[in-house]
Structures are given as C-alpha cells and as structure tokens.
Amino acid sequence: MGLVITLAIIALLSAVAWYLVPIPTARLMLAIERRRSGLESHNLQAGDYRWHYLRGGTGQPLVVLHGIGADADNWTRVANHLTDRFDIIAPDLLGFGDSDCPEDISFAVEHQARYLRAFTRALGLSSFHLAGNSMGGFVAASYARQFPEQVKSLWLLAPGGIISSRLSETMQAVFDGHHNPLTIRHKADFERLIDLCFYRKPFMPYPVRALLRRRAMHLRTHTEKVFDDLRFRSDSLETISDGLAVPCLIVWGENDRVLDPSGGMILARQMPNSRLVLVDHMGHIPMVEQPEYCVSHFLRFIDDIAQKDRLGNASQADAAGTDQEE
C-alpha cells in the first residue's frame, strides 16, 4: 500500500509540474533527450559574442545549423544516430536559443557565415562536415562558398535563400502582404506554424510546446529582422551555390509548405557534386520528422565520398608507379 501511495504522489506531482510549471519541466525534458543522444550543453566566447552549443560523439566533426526561430535541439534526434561516427556540434546561432542576441548587427547570410567562422575558429576546427536546415542551410552554403577549404561536405535540408523556385504556401502569404507565418504573435500562430512545418507532426509534450511558443513570441521582432536581412540584404542561394564544388547532399520533403521543393532541383543543377533526395510524405524539418531516414541517406553519401577518395588515391598511386617504371 505504501508503494502505491508513493507512486500516486509522484504521478500527481508530475502532473502538477507538467501544467503548472511547464518551462522548467520542458528544460528538464530537453536535457534528458540531449543526454540520451550523447550531447552535452556548452558555452563559448567567440569574439564579442557568447555562443551556446550542444556537442557529443566521436569521429570527424559535423557542424549542424538550425533554421529561423529554432535552436540546436532540432538536431538531437538525428544526433542519436550519428554520435558513434561523428563529433556532433550543434550551435544556437546568434539571436536564437541560449546564444547572445545582439540587436545591432546584420543577419544577412554572408555575415552569419562569418559569425559562424568566429565560432568554429574558437573551437579550433579547421576541417569539418557542415549541415543546415532552412536558414541554417542557407548559412552553411554561404560558409562553404567563403571558406571552401574547411568544408568536407555539405548536407542541406530544405535550405532557404532560393528565389527562383515556386512560391510555397508560406512564402505566398509573405509576398501577398499577409502576416508572416514564421513570426509568432500568439498561440494560434504557433500552432499554425507547427502545421506548416510538418507532414506528420512528431509528438511534442505540452511543456516543450509551451517553452518553444514562449520563446518564439519573445523573439517575434528579432525574427522579423532576421527574415528581412535574409530576404532583402543577402545574395540568393542560386548565386552562392553556382559552381560550388563541395560535395553536397540535398534533402527536401515533397510536402514542404514552408519552402517549395522545386528549390531542390534548382540547387542540384547549380552544384556539380550534389545529390538530390526528394522524400514523399515529409515536411520542412526532415531531421526532426524522419531522423533515421535522413541519417541513412547521409551515411550512404559520406561512404560514397570516402569510396571515391580511395579510388582517386589508388589511381594516383598507380600513375606514380607507372611513372617510376618508365
């Protein structure tokens, strides 16, 4: 009987925490999910700004970048399947998550890439794989354009910045002068954005939902500034990616309602060493919606790059041997 009462009290306290103190409960839940994925929370001073980031795993570094209004926790589910092969580094980009949110800087994509360079330099990274979703993909591509010698490969998941694709439902609303669905004024806006981002919405506990909604509402004005800097003050992704030779895996959901999947075909034509994967029944944030599926394509892509490198090295060795014999 004593055990039953104890369990009942624990259940009652959990229910109270779930609804009455959702923000601390959400932070605890996120900490548990990070630990399960092998990630730990860190802070780093890079230049004038403090960055928060998640890191864990062993192997080659893989830096992963989230989209507008999101944070590093967008990558915890994917990290759970990658930390045995990669050193995962997931920063909260400046202005989001728990990193500094400076109000007096430009968030144009070229500048965001340079801020990221200060971060990678502070970590001592000289060569790494680079991934990004939405805005993060836009920043990743700009980084690879500016610092190609550092980027072993790109993994772009529905990247932003393509201006010649068909207009998605979200972008059509923006161009028609309606409220930007990416900026959150109240609960209804948040729920609408969740609907837009996913084909099959993953389970999101009430406390986590409350935390993300509160954060998005708090950052509404900042998100508008970032969106405008990306839209009006940045080179297009077509310009950035044109002829970019870094090996690149492009993953795009066929049911993306935020950025139209026609952008994937445009981007693949621009990049000579790219591979495009269009996925049916998937929305705008593939690594959250279908993490295992995304990882399977990424690992196959990385293994193919390694195989090509081995064949290239073998051919060079054979050529050298032939020269010596002659």
Protein backbone atom coordinates (compact mmCIF):
# COMPACT_ATOMS: atom_id res chain seq x y z
CA MET A 1 0.00 0.00 0.00
CA GLY A 2 2.84 2.37 0.85
CA LEU A 3 4.39 1.89 -2.60
CA VAL A 4 1.04 2.55 -4.29
CA ILE A 5 0.63 5.80 -2.36
CA THR A 6 4.19 6.86 -3.18
CA LEU A 7 3.65 6.20 -6.90
CA ALA A 8 0.36 8.08 -6.79
CA ILE A 9 2.05 11.08 -5.17
CA ILE A 10 4.83 11.02 -7.80
CA ALA A 11 2.24 10.87 -10.57
CA LEU A 12 0.30 13.76 -9.04
CA LEU A 13 3.42 15.91 -8.65
CA SER A 14 4.42 15.12 -12.24
CA ALA A 15 1.01 16.20 -13.49
CA VAL A 16 1.23 19.41 -11.48
CA ALA A 17 4.70 20.16 -12.86
CA TRP A 18 3.51 19.31 -16.39
CA TYR A 19 0.84 22.02 -16.43
CA LEU A 20 1.70 24.49 -13.65
CA VAL A 21 5.47 24.86 -14.18
CA PRO A 22 5.86 23.85 -17.83
CA ILE A 23 9.02 25.84 -18.61
CA PRO A 24 11.31 24.20 -16.01
CA THR A 25 9.70 20.86 -16.89
CA ALA A 26 10.45 21.43 -20.56
CA ARG A 27 14.08 22.28 -19.85
CA LEU A 28 14.40 19.07 -17.87
CA MET A 29 12.86 17.09 -20.74
CA LEU A 30 15.24 18.63 -23.26
CA ALA A 31 18.21 17.90 -21.00
CA ILE A 32 17.14 14.26 -20.79
CA GLU A 33 16.76 13.99 -24.57
CA ARG A 34 20.17 15.58 -25.09
CA ARG A 35 21.77 13.08 -22.72
CA ARG A 36 20.06 10.17 -24.46
CA SER A 37 21.51 11.42 -27.75
CA GLY A 38 25.00 11.72 -26.28
CA LEU A 39 25.06 15.53 -26.34
CA GLU A 40 26.17 17.94 -23.64
CA SER A 41 25.50 21.66 -23.29
CA HIS A 42 28.40 24.12 -23.55
CA ASN A 43 29.05 27.85 -23.79
CA LEU A 44 31.85 29.51 -25.74
CA GLN A 45 33.02 33.09 -26.16
CA ALA A 46 33.78 33.74 -29.84
CA GLY A 47 34.80 37.32 -30.49
CA ASP A 48 32.25 39.66 -28.97
CA TYR A 49 29.52 37.08 -28.50
CA ARG A 50 28.72 34.13 -26.30
CA TRP A 51 27.53 31.02 -28.09
CA HIS A 52 25.61 28.13 -26.62
CA TYR A 53 26.05 24.77 -28.34
CA LEU A 54 25.49 21.05 -27.94
CA ARG A 55 28.32 18.62 -28.56
CA GLY A 56 28.88 14.88 -28.37
CA GLY A 57 30.19 11.82 -30.19
CA THR A 58 33.49 10.70 -31.68
CA GLY A 59 34.92 10.91 -35.18
CA GLN A 60 35.07 13.64 -37.79
CA PRO A 61 33.42 16.92 -36.76
CA LEU A 62 29.93 17.55 -38.13
CA VAL A 63 28.61 21.07 -37.51
CA VAL A 64 24.81 21.28 -37.78
CA LEU A 65 22.80 24.51 -38.11
CA HIS A 66 19.12 25.07 -37.29
CA GLY A 67 16.55 27.22 -39.08
CA ILE A 68 14.97 30.58 -38.27
CA GLY A 69 13.17 30.64 -34.94
CA ALA A 70 14.61 27.24 -33.95
CA ASP A 71 17.64 26.15 -31.92
CA ALA A 72 20.23 23.40 -31.55
CA ASP A 73 17.70 20.93 -30.11
CA ASN A 74 16.33 20.45 -33.63
CA TRP A 75 19.30 18.10 -34.11
CA THR A 76 19.09 15.91 -31.01
CA ARG A 77 17.06 13.17 -32.71
CA VAL A 78 19.48 12.95 -35.62
CA ALA A 79 22.48 13.07 -33.28
CA ASN A 80 21.19 9.96 -31.54
CA HIS A 81 22.03 8.04 -34.75
CA LEU A 82 25.31 9.78 -35.60
CA THR A 83 27.40 10.18 -32.45
CA ASP A 84 29.06 6.79 -32.96
CA ARG A 85 30.66 8.10 -36.17
CA PHE A 86 30.79 11.89 -35.83
CA ASP A 87 31.67 14.59 -33.36
CA ILE A 88 28.35 16.46 -33.49
CA ILE A 89 28.48 20.22 -32.86
CA ALA A 90 25.12 21.98 -32.84
CA PRO A 91 25.27 25.71 -32.05
CA ASP A 92 22.39 28.01 -31.26
CA LEU A 93 23.01 30.56 -34.00
CA LEU A 94 23.34 34.14 -32.81
CA GLY A 95 19.95 35.56 -31.92
CA PHE A 96 18.36 32.18 -31.14
CA GLY A 97 18.26 29.63 -28.37
CA ASP A 98 20.59 30.44 -25.50
CA SER A 99 23.26 32.23 -27.56
CA ASP A 100 23.65 36.01 -27.44
CA CYS A 101 21.02 38.01 -29.28
CA PRO A 102 22.74 41.20 -30.48
CA GLU A 103 20.33 43.77 -31.88
CA ASP A 104 22.82 45.97 -33.73
CA ILE A 105 24.34 43.53 -36.24
CA SER A 106 23.41 42.35 -39.70
CA PHE A 107 21.89 38.90 -40.11
CA ALA A 108 22.45 38.80 -43.85
CA VAL A 109 23.61 35.31 -44.77
CA GLU A 110 27.18 36.35 -45.62
CA HIS A 111 27.55 37.95 -42.20
CA GLN A 112 26.01 34.96 -40.41
CA ALA A 113 28.59 32.75 -42.10
CA ARG A 114 31.38 35.00 -40.82
CA TYR A 115 29.98 34.91 -37.28
CA LEU A 116 29.97 31.12 -37.59
CA ARG A 117 33.60 31.27 -38.73
CA ALA A 118 34.49 33.01 -35.46
CA PHE A 119 32.70 30.20 -33.62
CA THR A 120 34.48 27.37 -35.49
CA ARG A 121 37.82 29.14 -35.06
CA ALA A 122 37.23 29.44 -31.31
CA LEU A 123 36.58 25.68 -31.24
CA GLY A 124 39.82 25.04 -33.14
CA LEU A 125 38.06 23.46 -36.12
CA SER A 126 39.95 23.56 -39.42
CA SER A 127 38.08 20.92 -41.45
CA PHE A 128 34.60 19.50 -40.90
CA HIS A 129 31.32 18.41 -42.45
CA LEU A 130 28.60 21.07 -42.40
CA ALA A 131 24.83 20.62 -42.35
CA GLY A 132 21.92 23.04 -42.16
CA ASN A 133 18.14 23.18 -42.34
CA SER A 134 16.18 26.12 -43.77
CA MET A 135 18.05 29.30 -42.73
CA GLY A 136 20.83 27.06 -41.41
CA GLY A 137 21.23 25.51 -44.87
CA PHE A 138 21.47 28.98 -46.39
CA VAL A 139 24.19 29.89 -43.87
CA ALA A 140 26.00 26.57 -44.44
CA ALA A 141 26.14 27.13 -48.20
CA SER A 142 27.43 30.68 -47.73
CA TYR A 143 30.08 29.36 -45.33
CA ALA A 144 31.19 26.78 -47.92
CA ARG A 145 31.38 29.47 -50.59
CA GLN A 146 33.52 31.75 -48.40
CA PHE A 147 35.67 29.05 -46.75
CA PRO A 148 35.60 26.01 -49.11
CA GLU A 149 38.89 24.62 -47.84
CA GLN A 150 37.30 23.96 -44.45
CA VAL A 151 34.13 22.16 -45.59
CA LYS A 152 34.48 18.44 -46.35
CA SER A 153 30.85 18.10 -47.36
CA LEU A 154 27.52 19.89 -47.21
CA TRP A 155 24.23 18.39 -46.07
CA LEU A 156 21.43 20.82 -46.93
CA LEU A 157 17.92 20.02 -45.71
CA ALA A 158 15.32 22.29 -47.36
CA PRO A 159 17.71 25.26 -47.37
CA GLY A 160 16.45 28.82 -47.59
CA GLY A 161 17.56 31.52 -49.99
CA ILE A 162 16.34 30.20 -53.36
CA ILE A 163 14.44 32.96 -55.13
CA SER A 164 13.53 31.28 -58.44
CA SER A 165 11.55 28.33 -57.07
CA ARG A 166 7.78 28.15 -56.98
CA LEU A 167 6.24 30.01 -54.06
CA SER A 168 5.25 27.82 -51.15
CA GLU A 169 2.11 28.39 -49.13
CA THR A 170 4.16 30.23 -46.51
CA MET A 171 6.09 32.43 -48.93
CA GLN A 172 2.94 33.21 -50.92
CA ALA A 173 1.42 34.67 -47.76
CA VAL A 174 4.53 36.81 -47.25
CA PHE A 175 4.56 38.06 -50.85
CA ASP A 176 0.83 38.82 -50.69
CA GLY A 177 1.46 41.10 -47.72
CA HIS A 178 -0.24 38.91 -45.14
CA HIS A 179 1.19 38.16 -41.70
CA ASN A 180 4.48 36.26 -41.97
CA PRO A 181 3.69 32.77 -40.59
CA LEU A 182 7.27 32.50 -39.30
CA THR A 183 6.72 35.28 -36.76
CA ILE A 184 4.64 34.28 -33.75
CA ARG A 185 2.20 36.68 -32.07
CA HIS A 186 0.08 34.23 -30.07
CA LYS A 187 -0.77 30.57 -29.55
CA ALA A 188 -2.77 30.25 -32.78
CA ASP A 189 0.22 31.48 -34.82
CA PHE A 190 2.45 28.91 -33.16
CA GLU A 191 0.08 26.03 -33.82
CA ARG A 192 -0.31 27.17 -37.43
CA LEU A 193 3.47 27.18 -37.89
CA ILE A 194 3.75 23.65 -36.48
CA ASP A 195 1.14 22.55 -39.02
CA LEU A 196 3.10 24.20 -41.83
CA CYS A 197 6.44 22.67 -40.82
CA PHE A 198 5.45 19.01 -40.64
CA TYR A 199 3.63 16.47 -42.77
CA ARG A 200 3.39 14.11 -39.81
CA LYS A 201 3.75 16.15 -36.64
CA PRO A 202 6.12 14.45 -34.16
CA PHE A 203 4.97 14.15 -30.57
CA MET A 204 5.71 17.36 -28.70
CA PRO A 205 4.92 17.32 -24.94
CA TYR A 206 2.88 20.22 -23.62
CA PRO A 207 5.78 21.73 -21.58
CA VAL A 208 8.11 21.73 -24.60
CA ARG A 209 5.37 23.24 -26.73
CA ALA A 210 4.87 25.96 -24.12
CA LEU A 211 8.62 26.72 -23.94
CA LEU A 212 9.02 26.95 -27.72
CA ARG A 213 5.89 29.07 -28.08
CA ARG A 214 7.00 31.50 -25.38
CA ARG A 215 10.47 31.77 -26.91
CA ALA A 216 9.06 32.36 -30.40
CA MET A 217 6.69 35.07 -29.16
CA HIS A 218 9.53 36.77 -27.27
CA LEU A 219 11.70 36.75 -30.41
CA ARG A 220 9.00 37.92 -32.81
CA THR A 221 10.55 41.32 -33.61
CA HIS A 222 14.04 39.80 -33.86
CA THR A 223 12.77 37.05 -36.16
CA GLU A 224 11.24 39.68 -38.45
CA LYS A 225 14.61 41.46 -38.64
CA VAL A 226 16.48 38.23 -39.42
CA PHE A 227 13.92 37.30 -42.08
CA ASP A 228 14.21 40.73 -43.73
CA ASP A 229 18.02 40.61 -43.66
CA LEU A 230 17.95 37.20 -45.33
CA ARG A 231 15.33 38.23 -47.87
CA PHE A 232 16.49 41.72 -48.85
CA ARG A 233 20.17 42.00 -47.87
CA SER A 234 21.64 38.61 -48.81
CA ASP A 235 22.88 37.04 -52.01
CA SER A 236 20.47 34.40 -53.29
CA LEU A 237 21.31 30.74 -52.80
CA GLU A 238 21.44 30.44 -56.61
CA THR A 239 24.31 32.96 -56.64
CA ILE A 240 26.08 31.38 -53.67
CA SER A 241 25.82 27.80 -54.95
CA ASP A 242 26.62 28.41 -58.63
CA GLY A 243 29.50 26.07 -59.45
CA LEU A 244 30.23 25.33 -55.78
CA ALA A 245 32.22 22.10 -55.96
CA VAL A 246 31.93 20.94 -52.33
CA PRO A 247 30.21 17.51 -52.25
CA CYS A 248 26.61 18.19 -51.26
CA LEU A 249 23.62 16.09 -50.24
CA ILE A 250 20.31 17.92 -50.68
CA VAL A 251 17.28 16.53 -48.85
CA TRP A 252 13.84 18.04 -49.39
CA GLY A 253 10.37 16.97 -48.34
CA GLU A 254 7.87 16.73 -51.20
CA ASN A 255 5.23 18.09 -48.80
CA ASP A 256 7.21 21.12 -47.62
CA ARG A 257 4.77 24.02 -47.16
CA VAL A 258 7.42 26.49 -45.95
CA LEU A 259 9.93 26.31 -48.84
CA ASP A 260 8.79 24.74 -52.10
CA PRO A 261 10.63 21.51 -53.01
CA SER A 262 11.21 22.79 -56.56
CA GLY A 263 14.16 24.57 -54.94
CA GLY A 264 15.91 21.22 -54.62
CA MET A 265 16.09 20.68 -58.38
CA ILE A 266 17.29 24.24 -58.93
CA LEU A 267 20.03 23.81 -56.35
CA ALA A 268 21.12 20.41 -57.70
CA ARG A 269 21.62 21.92 -61.15
CA GLN A 270 23.83 24.64 -59.66
CA MET A 271 26.22 22.34 -57.79
CA PRO A 272 28.31 19.89 -59.84
CA ASN A 273 28.98 17.43 -56.99
CA SER A 274 25.49 17.34 -55.49
CA ARG A 275 22.96 14.58 -54.89
CA LEU A 276 19.25 15.37 -54.51
CA VAL A 277 16.87 13.28 -52.40
CA LEU A 278 13.20 14.25 -52.63
CA VAL A 279 11.13 12.49 -49.98
CA ASP A 280 7.39 11.96 -50.18
CA HIS A 281 5.30 12.43 -47.04
CA MET A 282 7.85 14.74 -45.45
CA GLY A 283 7.65 18.41 -44.46
CA HIS A 284 10.09 21.24 -43.85
CA ILE A 285 12.20 19.87 -40.98
CA PRO A 286 13.26 16.40 -42.17
CA MET A 287 15.76 15.66 -39.39
CA VAL A 288 13.02 16.08 -36.78
CA GLU A 289 10.23 14.38 -38.70
CA GLN A 290 12.18 11.37 -40.05
CA PRO A 291 15.62 11.31 -38.38
CA GLU A 292 16.55 7.72 -39.15
CA TYR A 293 15.64 8.05 -42.81
CA CYS A 294 17.68 11.25 -43.15
CA VAL A 295 20.66 9.65 -41.42
CA SER A 296 20.57 6.61 -43.73
CA HIS A 297 20.92 8.86 -46.78
CA PHE A 298 23.63 10.97 -45.15
CA LEU A 299 25.75 7.96 -44.16
CA ARG A 300 25.43 6.49 -47.64
CA PHE A 301 26.50 9.84 -49.08
CA ILE A 302 29.53 10.07 -46.75
CA ASP A 303 30.53 6.48 -47.53
CA ASP A 304 30.32 7.18 -51.26
CA ILE A 305 32.57 10.23 -50.85
CA ALA A 306 35.09 8.12 -48.95
CA GLN A 307 34.96 5.43 -51.64
CA LYS A 308 35.63 7.99 -54.39
CA ASP A 309 38.54 9.37 -52.39
CA ARG A 310 40.02 5.89 -52.01
CA LEU A 311 39.67 5.20 -55.73
CA GLY A 312 41.20 8.57 -56.55
CA ASN A 313 44.16 7.95 -54.26
CA ALA A 314 44.65 4.48 -55.71
CA SER A 315 44.63 5.88 -59.25
CA GLN A 316 47.21 8.48 -58.28
CA ALA A 317 49.38 5.81 -56.69
CA ASP A 318 49.13 3.64 -59.83
CA ALA A 319 50.04 6.61 -62.01
CA ALA A 320 53.04 7.38 -59.80
CA GLY A 321 54.17 3.77 -60.01
CA THR A 322 53.90 3.82 -63.79
CA ASP A 323 55.95 7.00 -63.97
CA GLN A 324 58.66 5.43 -61.82
CA GLU A 325 58.79 2.31 -64.02
CA GLU A 326 59.15 4.44 -67.12
